[in-house]
């Protein structure tokens, strides 16, 4: 039995995944497989570090000393062969806040920010919320649900001087692509040519599956590093989202200075008492836990994709190259987005992410979070199939 088979009751823990069911789905009875956190206990080293710190009864302001930065530097060196100087790193409370800060730092109201839908919904929000223009460079869906970048269209939109910024999702949420070196070079060369700054959201970089390899964009060449601000965090990797601890990296002092000014301007630099300790325990002492997690997530992916092929072959779902999120194609059911969501909630008893929230390219899709014990995933798929079978009999 795997440690990840244990079902942990998250009721009364103020978990958004559970508490928002009524608000989002109109029912608290659905199996919540939506927001991207995991139903797994954090690594033992993290739990121990937090418990030890709670024993001291003062929870005042704290700083982030050298061990915080060394944990990040050593992690990036081990995992990605990326040697990062401490002066390149800036703390922030989250990767999504980073995106919003970057939009403000590098663009003016009315200017364009390029995104590549279908993509994580906050990519739209952090642009619109600050009165910038969303410039869509949609991914191209090829056979079997494999997505690639549209370089010709990227060239077209990047060449317009009012479009200053590209928000890159790497690995990509929700389609699960791990962009290759060749793809990143081609994309980066277009941005370099047209003076477009790249904000690379690499929060899922540690959750790479099936032998794929994540290449941090800034490691490819000094030229690409010069136009890149990388956003990372241990939150997805080790299930630490509640600690609001992330960081930005750039070897370009001008980019980092502009981003840091936003962090300081909003007084976001303090962080919280526990976040740095959790990061250090995760990066320094929990690599073995991550390897076991990857194996388990791959097992869940294998189960669901095999189940779909044998039990619901009209539904399509390609195994992702990274993340614990499965992008499921229900277009063969010929349902409108609202009908599909209502079917999943009212007939299948499932709370999934509606594909259309990732952009119009997501119509007919649902995103399913597979970072739950296998028995929960099995129950969810059984309910989905039963609902589908009843639908087909009508």
Protein backbone atom coordinates (compact mmCIF):
# COMPACT_ATOMS: atom_id res chain seq x y z
CA UNK A 1 0.00 0.00 0.00
CA UNK A 2 1.30 3.44 -0.93
CA UNK A 3 1.32 6.32 1.54
CA UNK A 4 -0.77 8.16 -1.05
CA UNK A 5 -3.58 5.59 -0.81
CA UNK A 6 -4.58 7.00 2.58
CA UNK A 7 -7.79 9.01 2.50
CA UNK A 8 -7.45 12.09 4.70
CA UNK A 9 -10.61 13.88 5.81
CA UNK A 10 -10.28 17.54 4.80
CA UNK A 11 -13.64 18.59 6.19
CA UNK A 12 -13.44 21.51 8.63
CA UNK A 13 -9.91 22.43 7.50
CA UNK A 14 -11.19 25.45 5.52
CA UNK A 15 -10.09 23.75 2.31
CA UNK A 16 -11.20 25.73 -0.75
CA UNK A 17 -11.53 22.48 -2.68
CA UNK A 18 -14.31 21.42 -0.30
CA UNK A 19 -15.69 24.70 1.03
CA UNK A 20 -16.41 26.12 -2.44
CA UNK A 21 -18.38 23.14 -3.73
CA UNK A 22 -21.75 24.69 -2.95
CA UNK A 23 -20.72 28.01 -4.48
CA UNK A 24 -19.30 26.54 -7.69
CA UNK A 25 -21.45 23.47 -8.25
CA UNK A 26 -24.59 24.09 -6.24
CA UNK A 27 -23.93 20.95 -4.24
CA UNK A 28 -21.57 19.88 -1.49
CA UNK A 29 -21.98 16.23 -2.48
CA UNK A 30 -19.75 16.23 -5.56
CA UNK A 31 -16.33 14.59 -5.47
CA UNK A 32 -14.07 17.67 -5.69
CA UNK A 33 -11.44 17.09 -8.38
CA UNK A 34 -10.94 20.66 -9.50
CA UNK A 35 -8.57 23.19 -7.86
CA UNK A 36 -4.92 22.18 -8.22
CA UNK A 37 -3.91 21.10 -4.77
CA UNK A 38 -3.44 17.49 -3.68
CA UNK A 39 -5.35 15.29 -1.28
CA UNK A 40 -2.05 13.94 0.04
CA UNK A 41 -0.21 14.68 3.26
CA UNK A 42 2.76 17.00 2.87
CA UNK A 43 6.19 15.37 3.22
CA UNK A 44 7.13 14.29 6.77
CA UNK A 45 10.08 16.69 6.88
CA UNK A 46 7.74 19.61 6.20
CA UNK A 47 5.28 18.49 8.86
CA UNK A 48 8.09 18.15 11.38
CA UNK A 49 9.53 21.58 10.62
CA UNK A 50 6.15 23.27 11.01
CA UNK A 51 5.26 21.42 14.23
CA UNK A 52 8.62 22.29 15.75
CA UNK A 53 8.17 25.97 14.94
CA UNK A 54 4.64 26.09 16.37
CA UNK A 55 6.06 25.06 19.74
CA UNK A 56 7.49 28.54 20.10
CA UNK A 57 4.50 30.70 21.09
CA UNK A 58 5.52 33.89 19.29
CA UNK A 59 4.59 34.17 15.60
CA UNK A 60 5.91 37.61 14.79
CA UNK A 61 7.63 39.05 11.75
CA UNK A 62 10.38 36.86 10.33
CA UNK A 63 12.99 37.18 7.61
CA UNK A 64 14.38 34.79 5.06
CA UNK A 65 18.05 34.20 5.84
CA UNK A 66 20.69 32.54 3.70
CA UNK A 67 19.40 28.95 4.19
CA UNK A 68 16.18 29.91 2.38
CA UNK A 69 18.07 30.97 -0.72
CA UNK A 70 20.54 28.10 -0.50
CA UNK A 71 17.65 25.61 -0.48
CA UNK A 72 16.37 27.12 -3.73
CA UNK A 73 19.81 27.27 -5.31
CA UNK A 74 20.66 23.68 -4.42
CA UNK A 75 17.29 22.41 -5.63
CA UNK A 76 17.64 24.09 -9.00
CA UNK A 77 21.18 22.84 -9.35
CA UNK A 78 20.24 19.23 -8.55
CA UNK A 79 17.03 19.08 -10.53
CA UNK A 80 17.81 21.24 -13.55
CA UNK A 81 21.55 21.82 -13.55
CA UNK A 82 20.78 25.53 -13.17
CA UNK A 83 23.33 27.53 -11.20
CA UNK A 84 21.50 30.53 -9.80
CA UNK A 85 23.11 33.37 -7.91
CA UNK A 86 21.33 34.51 -4.76
CA UNK A 87 21.12 38.02 -6.17
CA UNK A 88 18.86 36.71 -8.95
CA UNK A 89 16.12 35.58 -6.54
CA UNK A 90 13.22 37.61 -5.17
CA UNK A 91 10.54 36.31 -2.79
CA UNK A 92 6.84 36.74 -3.50
CA UNK A 93 3.65 35.29 -2.00
CA UNK A 94 2.60 33.29 -5.05
CA UNK A 95 3.13 32.64 -8.73
CA UNK A 96 -0.23 34.13 -9.78
CA UNK A 97 0.55 37.32 -7.83
CA UNK A 98 3.90 37.30 -9.65
CA UNK A 99 2.09 37.39 -12.97
CA UNK A 100 -0.01 40.35 -11.89
CA UNK A 101 3.07 42.17 -10.57
CA UNK A 102 4.90 41.52 -13.84
CA UNK A 103 2.01 42.84 -15.91
CA UNK A 104 2.18 46.07 -13.92
CA UNK A 105 5.97 46.23 -14.00
CA UNK A 106 6.48 45.74 -17.73
CA UNK A 107 3.36 47.12 -19.42
CA UNK A 108 1.13 50.18 -19.31
CA UNK A 109 -2.68 50.30 -19.37
CA UNK A 110 -3.94 49.55 -22.85
CA UNK A 111 -0.85 47.61 -23.91
CA UNK A 112 -1.03 43.97 -24.93
CA UNK A 113 -0.04 40.82 -23.07
CA UNK A 114 0.23 37.61 -25.08
CA UNK A 115 -1.16 34.37 -23.68
CA UNK A 116 -1.52 30.90 -25.23
CA UNK A 117 -4.98 29.40 -24.61
CA UNK A 118 -6.41 27.08 -23.61
CA UNK A 119 -4.57 28.19 -20.48
CA UNK A 120 -4.92 28.52 -16.73
CA UNK A 121 -7.76 31.05 -16.15
CA UNK A 122 -5.76 33.58 -14.07
CA UNK A 123 -3.64 34.27 -17.16
CA UNK A 124 -6.67 36.12 -18.51
CA UNK A 125 -7.49 37.75 -15.19
CA UNK A 126 -4.11 39.27 -14.38
CA UNK A 127 -4.19 41.04 -17.74
CA UNK A 128 -7.77 42.29 -17.67
CA UNK A 129 -7.66 43.27 -13.99
CA UNK A 130 -5.00 45.89 -14.69
CA UNK A 131 -6.57 47.30 -17.85
CA UNK A 132 -4.20 45.63 -20.27
CA UNK A 133 -5.29 43.93 -23.47
CA UNK A 134 -5.41 40.14 -23.68
CA UNK A 135 -3.69 39.07 -26.92
CA UNK A 136 -4.46 35.43 -27.64
CA UNK A 137 -1.95 33.22 -29.43
CA UNK A 138 -3.92 29.95 -29.29
CA UNK A 139 -2.13 26.63 -29.22
CA UNK A 140 -2.71 24.34 -32.19
CA UNK A 141 -4.41 21.06 -31.35
CA UNK A 142 -3.00 18.22 -33.40
CA UNK A 143 -4.00 14.57 -33.52
CA UNK A 144 -4.70 12.70 -30.30
CA UNK A 145 -4.91 15.87 -28.22
CA UNK A 146 -1.29 16.93 -28.71
CA UNK A 147 -0.78 20.70 -28.65
CA UNK A 148 1.96 22.83 -30.22
CA UNK A 149 2.64 26.55 -30.42
CA UNK A 150 1.50 28.57 -33.43
CA UNK A 151 4.76 30.33 -34.30
CA UNK A 152 3.47 32.13 -37.38
CA UNK A 153 0.69 33.73 -35.35
CA UNK A 154 3.08 34.45 -32.47
CA UNK A 155 5.34 36.28 -34.94
CA UNK A 156 2.34 38.31 -36.09
CA UNK A 157 1.19 39.42 -32.63
CA UNK A 158 4.70 39.85 -31.19
CA UNK A 159 5.63 42.17 -34.06
CA UNK A 160 3.05 44.73 -32.93
CA UNK A 161 4.87 47.28 -30.76
CA UNK A 162 1.98 47.63 -28.31
CA UNK A 163 2.35 43.95 -27.27
CA UNK A 164 5.10 44.02 -24.65
CA UNK A 165 4.82 40.80 -22.69
CA UNK A 166 4.30 37.04 -23.09
CA UNK A 167 2.98 34.94 -20.21
CA UNK A 168 4.39 31.47 -20.82
CA UNK A 169 2.87 28.43 -19.07
CA UNK A 170 5.75 25.95 -18.83
CA UNK A 171 4.84 23.11 -18.29
CA UNK A 172 1.46 23.99 -19.71
CA UNK A 173 -1.73 23.89 -17.67
CA UNK A 174 -4.14 22.37 -18.71
CA UNK A 175 -2.82 20.59 -21.83
CA UNK A 176 0.14 19.05 -19.99
CA UNK A 177 2.88 19.87 -22.49
CA UNK A 178 6.53 20.05 -21.42
CA UNK A 179 7.94 22.43 -24.01
CA UNK A 180 11.09 21.11 -25.65
CA UNK A 181 14.33 23.02 -26.05
CA UNK A 182 13.62 23.43 -29.77
CA UNK A 183 10.13 24.81 -29.13
CA UNK A 184 11.39 27.21 -26.48
CA UNK A 185 14.21 28.46 -28.69
CA UNK A 186 11.85 29.18 -31.56
CA UNK A 187 9.38 30.96 -29.28
CA UNK A 188 12.16 32.84 -27.53
CA UNK A 189 13.79 34.02 -30.73
CA UNK A 190 10.51 35.56 -31.86
CA UNK A 191 10.16 37.40 -28.54
CA UNK A 192 13.78 38.52 -28.59
CA UNK A 193 13.42 39.82 -32.14
CA UNK A 194 10.43 41.97 -31.19
CA UNK A 195 11.55 43.03 -27.67
CA UNK A 196 8.83 41.05 -25.92
CA UNK A 197 9.61 40.16 -22.30
CA UNK A 198 8.74 36.60 -21.21
CA UNK A 199 7.27 35.77 -17.81
CA UNK A 200 7.77 32.01 -17.50
CA UNK A 201 5.37 30.35 -15.05
CA UNK A 202 7.22 27.14 -14.17
CA UNK A 203 5.28 26.19 -11.05
CA UNK A 204 4.67 22.63 -12.35
CA UNK A 205 8.32 22.09 -13.32
CA UNK A 206 8.95 19.38 -10.70
CA UNK A 207 5.88 17.36 -11.66
CA UNK A 208 7.20 15.97 -14.94
CA UNK A 209 5.94 12.52 -15.89
CA UNK A 210 6.92 9.52 -17.99
CA UNK A 211 10.60 10.39 -18.38
CA UNK A 212 10.02 13.84 -19.85
CA UNK A 213 12.47 16.57 -18.90
CA UNK A 214 11.72 20.14 -17.92
CA UNK A 215 14.12 22.74 -19.29
CA UNK A 216 13.93 26.12 -17.50
CA UNK A 217 13.64 28.71 -20.25
CA UNK A 218 16.38 30.89 -18.79
CA UNK A 219 18.93 28.04 -18.95
CA UNK A 220 18.81 27.73 -22.72
CA UNK A 221 20.98 30.73 -23.58
CA UNK A 222 22.17 34.04 -22.12
CA UNK A 223 20.10 35.80 -24.76
CA UNK A 224 16.86 34.17 -23.61
CA UNK A 225 17.80 34.62 -19.94
CA UNK A 226 18.12 38.34 -20.63
CA UNK A 227 14.41 38.66 -21.49
CA UNK A 228 13.03 36.10 -18.99
CA UNK A 229 11.60 36.38 -15.50
CA UNK A 230 11.02 32.87 -14.13
CA UNK A 231 8.34 32.16 -11.51
CA UNK A 232 8.62 29.05 -9.34
CA UNK A 233 7.37 27.65 -6.03
CA UNK A 234 7.29 24.44 -3.99
CA UNK A 235 3.53 24.73 -3.59
CA UNK A 236 2.31 22.39 -6.34
CA UNK A 237 5.22 19.99 -5.91
CA UNK A 238 4.84 19.40 -2.17
CA UNK A 239 1.21 20.47 -1.57
CA UNK A 240 2.16 23.69 0.23
CA UNK A 241 -0.11 26.24 -1.48
CA UNK A 242 -1.49 27.47 1.85
CA UNK A 243 1.92 28.85 2.84
CA UNK A 244 1.89 31.50 0.08
CA UNK A 245 5.61 31.19 -0.63
CA UNK A 246 7.14 31.49 -4.09
CA UNK A 247 10.00 33.25 -5.82
CA UNK A 248 11.04 34.97 -9.03
CA UNK A 249 14.40 34.55 -10.77
CA UNK A 250 16.18 36.65 -13.36
CA UNK A 251 19.83 37.14 -14.21
CA UNK A 252 18.86 40.44 -15.81
CA UNK A 253 19.14 42.99 -12.97
CA UNK A 254 16.79 45.41 -14.71
CA UNK A 255 13.98 42.85 -14.93
CA UNK A 256 14.45 41.77 -11.34
CA UNK A 257 14.64 45.37 -10.12
CA UNK A 258 11.33 46.19 -11.81
CA UNK A 259 9.66 43.08 -10.38
CA UNK A 260 11.13 43.73 -6.92
CA UNK A 261 9.80 47.27 -6.98
CA UNK A 262 6.28 45.87 -7.36
CA UNK A 263 6.80 43.44 -4.48
CA UNK A 264 8.09 46.21 -2.25
CA UNK A 265 5.49 48.71 -3.42
CA UNK A 266 2.68 46.42 -2.30
CA UNK A 267 4.61 45.46 0.87
CA UNK A 268 4.51 41.79 -0.06
CA UNK A 269 8.10 41.06 0.91
CA UNK A 270 7.50 39.92 4.50
CA UNK A 271 5.93 36.54 3.82
CA UNK A 272 4.75 34.45 6.76
CA UNK A 273 6.33 32.66 9.69
CA UNK A 274 6.02 29.16 8.25
CA UNK A 275 6.48 29.48 4.48
CA UNK A 276 10.28 29.67 4.38
CA UNK A 277 10.62 26.76 6.80
CA UNK A 278 8.29 24.65 4.67
CA UNK A 279 10.24 25.45 1.51
CA UNK A 280 13.57 24.58 3.13
CA UNK A 281 12.28 21.26 4.52
CA UNK A 282 10.72 20.36 1.17
CA UNK A 283 13.73 21.19 -0.99
CA UNK A 284 16.37 19.91 1.41
CA UNK A 285 14.76 16.74 2.77
CA UNK A 286 11.83 15.61 0.62
CA UNK A 287 13.18 14.57 -2.75
CA UNK A 288 12.49 10.90 -2.06
CA UNK A 289 8.84 11.78 -1.31
CA UNK A 290 8.56 13.55 -4.67
CA UNK A 291 9.84 10.53 -6.56
CA UNK A 292 7.21 8.34 -4.89
CA UNK A 293 4.58 10.96 -5.69
CA UNK A 294 5.50 11.00 -9.38
CA UNK A 295 5.14 7.21 -9.56
CA UNK A 296 1.73 7.42 -7.91
CA UNK A 297 0.45 10.18 -10.18
CA UNK A 298 1.59 8.22 -13.22
CA UNK A 299 -0.38 5.27 -11.86
CA UNK A 300 -3.49 7.41 -11.56
CA UNK A 301 -2.98 8.74 -15.08
CA UNK A 302 -2.55 5.22 -16.42
CA UNK A 303 -5.70 4.04 -14.67
CA UNK A 304 -7.90 6.88 -15.94
CA UNK A 305 -6.65 6.87 -19.53
CA UNK A 306 -6.94 3.07 -19.72
CA UNK A 307 -10.43 3.25 -18.22
CA UNK A 308 -11.48 5.80 -20.82
CA UNK A 309 -10.10 3.75 -23.71
CA UNK A 310 -11.91 0.59 -22.63
CA UNK A 311 -15.12 1.96 -21.06
CA UNK A 312 -15.73 5.31 -22.77
CA UNK A 313 -13.74 5.25 -26.02
CA UNK A 314 -15.60 8.21 -27.49
CA UNK A 315 -14.00 10.40 -24.79
CA UNK A 316 -10.40 11.42 -25.46
CA UNK A 317 -7.68 12.10 -22.89
CA UNK A 318 -3.98 12.18 -23.68
CA UNK A 319 -1.55 11.40 -20.87
CA UNK A 320 0.09 14.69 -19.87
CA UNK A 321 3.85 15.12 -20.01
CA UNK A 322 3.64 16.97 -16.68
CA UNK A 323 1.23 17.99 -13.89
CA UNK A 324 -1.40 15.90 -12.12
CA UNK A 325 -4.13 17.47 -14.26
CA UNK A 326 -5.88 15.59 -17.06
CA UNK A 327 -7.40 17.51 -20.01
CA UNK A 328 -10.45 15.47 -21.03
CA UNK A 329 -12.18 15.90 -24.39
CA UNK A 330 -15.96 15.29 -24.31
CA UNK A 331 -16.75 17.00 -27.63
CA UNK A 332 -18.14 13.74 -29.03
CA UNK A 333 -21.03 14.06 -26.55
CA UNK A 334 -22.22 17.15 -28.47
CA UNK A 335 -23.06 19.06 -25.30
CA UNK A 336 -22.85 22.78 -24.69
CA UNK A 337 -20.40 23.83 -21.98
CA UNK A 338 -23.17 24.48 -19.47
CA UNK A 339 -24.79 21.14 -20.28
CA UNK A 340 -21.51 19.29 -19.81
CA UNK A 341 -20.82 20.96 -16.47
CA UNK A 342 -24.35 20.29 -15.26
CA UNK A 343 -24.10 16.67 -16.39
CA UNK A 344 -20.88 16.16 -14.42
CA UNK A 345 -22.39 17.74 -11.31
CA UNK A 346 -25.96 16.45 -11.34
CA UNK A 347 -25.57 13.09 -13.05
CA UNK A 348 -21.98 12.01 -12.31
CA UNK A 349 -21.58 13.77 -8.95
CA UNK A 350 -18.22 15.27 -9.92
CA UNK A 351 -16.76 18.72 -9.43
CA UNK A 352 -14.34 19.28 -12.33
CA UNK A 353 -12.99 22.42 -13.99
CA UNK A 354 -15.12 23.61 -16.90
CA UNK A 355 -12.92 23.68 -19.99
CA UNK A 356 -14.35 26.95 -21.30
CA UNK A 357 -12.81 28.81 -18.34
CA UNK A 358 -9.44 28.12 -19.98
CA UNK A 359 -10.53 29.96 -23.12
CA UNK A 360 -12.97 29.32 -25.95
CA UNK A 361 -10.65 26.54 -27.15
CA UNK A 362 -11.73 24.60 -24.04
CA UNK A 363 -15.36 24.19 -25.07
CA UNK A 364 -16.30 20.55 -24.72
CA UNK A 365 -13.37 19.82 -22.36
CA UNK A 366 -13.09 19.31 -18.62
CA UNK A 367 -9.98 19.37 -16.45
CA UNK A 368 -9.72 16.66 -13.82
CA UNK A 369 -7.32 16.76 -10.87
CA UNK A 370 -5.88 13.26 -10.33
CA UNK A 371 -3.86 14.04 -7.19
CA UNK A 372 -6.14 11.99 -4.94
CA UNK A 373 -5.99 8.45 -3.56
CA UNK A 374 -6.56 5.79 -6.23
CA UNK A 375 -9.81 4.65 -4.63
CA UNK A 376 -11.24 8.17 -4.97
CA UNK A 377 -10.24 8.33 -8.63
CA UNK A 378 -11.72 4.88 -9.26
CA UNK A 379 -15.00 5.95 -7.65
CA UNK A 380 -15.07 9.13 -9.75
CA UNK A 381 -14.56 7.26 -13.00
CA UNK A 382 -17.17 4.66 -12.07
CA UNK A 383 -19.68 7.45 -11.41
CA UNK A 384 -18.80 9.13 -14.71
CA UNK A 385 -19.29 5.93 -16.68
CA UNK A 386 -22.57 5.12 -14.95
CA UNK A 387 -23.90 8.58 -15.75
CA UNK A 388 -22.73 8.27 -19.35
CA UNK A 389 -24.40 4.86 -19.69
CA UNK A 390 -27.69 6.24 -18.39
CA UNK A 391 -27.44 9.15 -20.83
CA UNK A 392 -26.93 6.84 -23.79
CA UNK A 393 -30.01 4.80 -22.89
CA UNK A 394 -32.27 7.84 -23.06
